[in-house]
């Protein structure tokens, strides 16, 4: 199958909405393998004491557990927001085929700085997913800004 696919990003968006309803950041991620969703996850940073509880990390962990392997060769990660340095790196270490994201980190930072500071905090290492993946081995494909407008709308749920 050709990537990116709207149907998979829509699953990630729905998961982000569920996440916001649970009091988490409105972030969702999906791992797709052989044209099938094999895991769906959202951020759990406000639920469990684990700083790595990002939506992407949770989706990759679930996929690895389901497949019984630390490698996700041929799999694609769909996420509503640009993966951070940690999450982009894990996609490499899992040997994923590619990453598709919606909103850019700069979109999130702009909105969080303007509207959300009282409820959620923002911490980030300012290295883009593009930079991480361009230096990766194995090479991981990247599609940036896919359904960006729809993903930016999710930030309104964090107010």
Protein backbone atom coordinates (compact mmCIF):
# COMPACT_ATOMS: atom_id res chain seq x y z
CA UNK A 1 0.00 0.00 0.00
CA UNK A 2 1.05 3.55 -0.67
CA UNK A 3 1.54 5.82 2.33
CA UNK A 4 0.29 8.16 3.65
CA UNK A 5 -3.35 7.03 3.88
CA UNK A 6 -6.16 9.18 5.23
CA UNK A 7 -7.92 6.24 6.92
CA UNK A 8 -4.95 5.57 9.22
CA UNK A 9 -4.51 9.21 10.24
CA UNK A 10 -8.23 9.35 11.00
CA UNK A 11 -7.74 6.49 13.47
CA UNK A 12 -4.92 8.45 15.15
CA UNK A 13 -7.13 11.56 15.30
CA UNK A 14 -9.98 9.61 16.92
CA UNK A 15 -7.53 8.25 19.47
CA UNK A 16 -6.29 11.78 20.21
CA UNK A 17 -9.88 12.85 20.89
CA UNK A 18 -10.30 9.91 23.30
CA UNK A 19 -7.06 10.91 24.98
CA UNK A 20 -8.28 14.47 25.56
CA UNK A 21 -11.54 13.16 27.02
CA UNK A 22 -9.45 11.20 29.54
CA UNK A 23 -7.62 14.36 30.64
CA UNK A 24 -4.49 13.65 28.63
CA UNK A 25 -2.91 15.65 25.82
CA UNK A 26 -4.91 15.28 22.60
CA UNK A 27 -2.30 13.03 20.99
CA UNK A 28 -2.85 9.72 19.25
CA UNK A 29 -0.71 7.30 17.28
CA UNK A 30 -1.22 4.18 15.20
CA UNK A 31 1.12 1.49 13.93
CA UNK A 32 0.16 0.00 10.56
CA UNK A 33 1.60 -3.17 9.07
CA UNK A 34 0.50 -4.81 5.82
CA UNK A 35 -2.35 -2.32 5.44
CA UNK A 36 -3.78 -3.18 8.88
CA UNK A 37 -3.77 -1.24 12.13
CA UNK A 38 -1.87 -3.37 14.64
CA UNK A 39 -1.82 -0.92 17.54
CA UNK A 40 -3.53 2.28 18.62
CA UNK A 41 -2.42 4.40 21.57
CA UNK A 42 -2.54 7.83 23.13
CA UNK A 43 -0.37 9.68 25.58
CA UNK A 44 -0.47 8.50 29.19
CA UNK A 45 1.74 11.15 30.75
CA UNK A 46 -0.92 12.33 33.20
CA UNK A 47 -2.10 8.82 34.11
CA UNK A 48 0.99 6.77 34.90
CA UNK A 49 4.39 7.79 36.29
CA UNK A 50 6.36 7.21 33.09
CA UNK A 51 8.00 10.12 31.28
CA UNK A 52 8.20 8.08 28.10
CA UNK A 53 4.41 7.64 27.91
CA UNK A 54 4.10 9.46 24.60
CA UNK A 55 1.44 8.28 22.15
CA UNK A 56 4.08 7.09 19.68
CA UNK A 57 6.05 5.18 22.31
CA UNK A 58 2.88 3.54 23.60
CA UNK A 59 1.80 2.53 20.08
CA UNK A 60 5.23 1.11 19.24
CA UNK A 61 5.37 -0.81 22.54
CA UNK A 62 1.93 -2.32 21.90
CA UNK A 63 2.88 -3.30 18.35
CA UNK A 64 6.13 -4.93 19.47
CA UNK A 65 4.30 -6.86 22.19
CA UNK A 66 1.59 -7.98 19.76
CA UNK A 67 4.17 -9.19 17.22
CA UNK A 68 6.55 -10.60 19.84
CA UNK A 69 9.47 -8.66 18.40
CA UNK A 70 11.38 -5.45 19.06
CA UNK A 71 11.48 -4.90 15.32
CA UNK A 72 8.59 -3.56 13.27
CA UNK A 73 10.06 -3.94 9.80
CA UNK A 74 7.65 -2.78 7.12
CA UNK A 75 5.45 -0.96 9.65
CA UNK A 76 4.36 2.67 9.52
CA UNK A 77 3.80 5.00 12.45
CA UNK A 78 0.97 7.51 12.05
CA UNK A 79 0.82 10.26 14.64
CA UNK A 80 -1.12 13.49 14.93
CA UNK A 81 1.95 15.50 15.95
CA UNK A 82 5.57 15.51 14.87
CA UNK A 83 7.38 12.88 16.94
CA UNK A 84 9.90 14.15 19.45
CA UNK A 85 13.54 13.11 19.35
CA UNK A 86 12.83 10.08 21.58
CA UNK A 87 9.88 8.81 19.56
CA UNK A 88 11.54 9.36 16.18
CA UNK A 89 14.60 7.48 17.46
CA UNK A 90 12.51 4.54 18.63
CA UNK A 91 10.97 4.30 15.15
CA UNK A 92 14.53 3.87 13.85
CA UNK A 93 15.51 1.33 16.50
CA UNK A 94 12.32 -0.62 15.74
CA UNK A 95 13.38 -0.66 12.07
CA UNK A 96 10.08 0.85 10.94
CA UNK A 97 9.47 1.60 7.28
CA UNK A 98 8.14 5.10 7.80
CA UNK A 99 6.56 7.82 9.90
CA UNK A 100 3.58 9.99 8.94
CA UNK A 101 2.68 12.98 11.09
CA UNK A 102 0.12 15.76 10.99
CA UNK A 103 0.90 18.89 12.99
CA UNK A 104 4.44 20.17 13.27
CA UNK A 105 6.10 20.71 16.62
CA UNK A 106 6.15 24.43 15.85
CA UNK A 107 2.33 24.36 15.50
CA UNK A 108 1.97 22.83 18.94
CA UNK A 109 4.48 25.12 20.57
CA UNK A 110 2.77 28.21 19.16
CA UNK A 111 -0.63 27.16 20.49
CA UNK A 112 0.64 25.89 23.84
CA UNK A 113 2.58 29.08 24.51
CA UNK A 114 -0.45 31.19 23.73
CA UNK A 115 -3.32 29.25 25.29
CA UNK A 116 -2.53 26.14 27.29
CA UNK A 117 0.27 27.02 29.70
CA UNK A 118 -1.95 27.04 32.77
CA UNK A 119 -3.12 23.43 32.34
CA UNK A 120 -0.21 21.62 30.67
CA UNK A 121 3.50 22.28 30.54
CA UNK A 122 5.74 22.00 27.50
CA UNK A 123 9.24 20.53 27.49
CA UNK A 124 11.07 19.66 24.33
CA UNK A 125 14.49 19.02 22.86
CA UNK A 126 14.48 21.10 19.72
CA UNK A 127 15.65 18.53 17.21
CA UNK A 128 13.13 17.80 14.46
CA UNK A 129 11.92 14.38 13.44
CA UNK A 130 13.23 15.17 9.96
CA UNK A 131 16.73 15.70 11.33
CA UNK A 132 16.66 12.49 13.37
CA UNK A 133 15.34 10.38 10.50
CA UNK A 134 17.70 11.91 7.93
CA UNK A 135 20.61 10.68 10.03
CA UNK A 136 19.14 7.27 10.79
CA UNK A 137 20.36 3.83 9.91
CA UNK A 138 18.25 2.13 8.73
CA UNK A 139 16.61 4.94 6.79
CA UNK A 140 13.03 5.62 7.84
CA UNK A 141 10.73 7.39 5.38
CA UNK A 142 8.99 10.55 6.56
CA UNK A 143 5.79 12.28 5.49
CA UNK A 144 5.34 15.64 7.21
CA UNK A 145 2.19 17.71 7.63
CA UNK A 146 -0.26 15.04 6.45
CA UNK A 147 -3.79 16.23 7.35
CA UNK A 148 -2.09 19.05 9.24
CA UNK A 149 -5.15 21.26 9.61
CA UNK A 150 -7.23 18.46 11.13
CA UNK A 151 -4.42 17.65 13.55
CA UNK A 152 -3.92 21.30 14.57
CA UNK A 153 -7.61 21.43 15.50
CA UNK A 154 -6.92 18.81 18.19
CA UNK A 155 -4.95 21.36 20.23
CA UNK A 156 -8.23 23.15 20.99
CA UNK A 157 -9.17 20.11 23.08
CA UNK A 158 -6.29 20.85 25.48
CA UNK A 159 -7.66 24.21 26.62
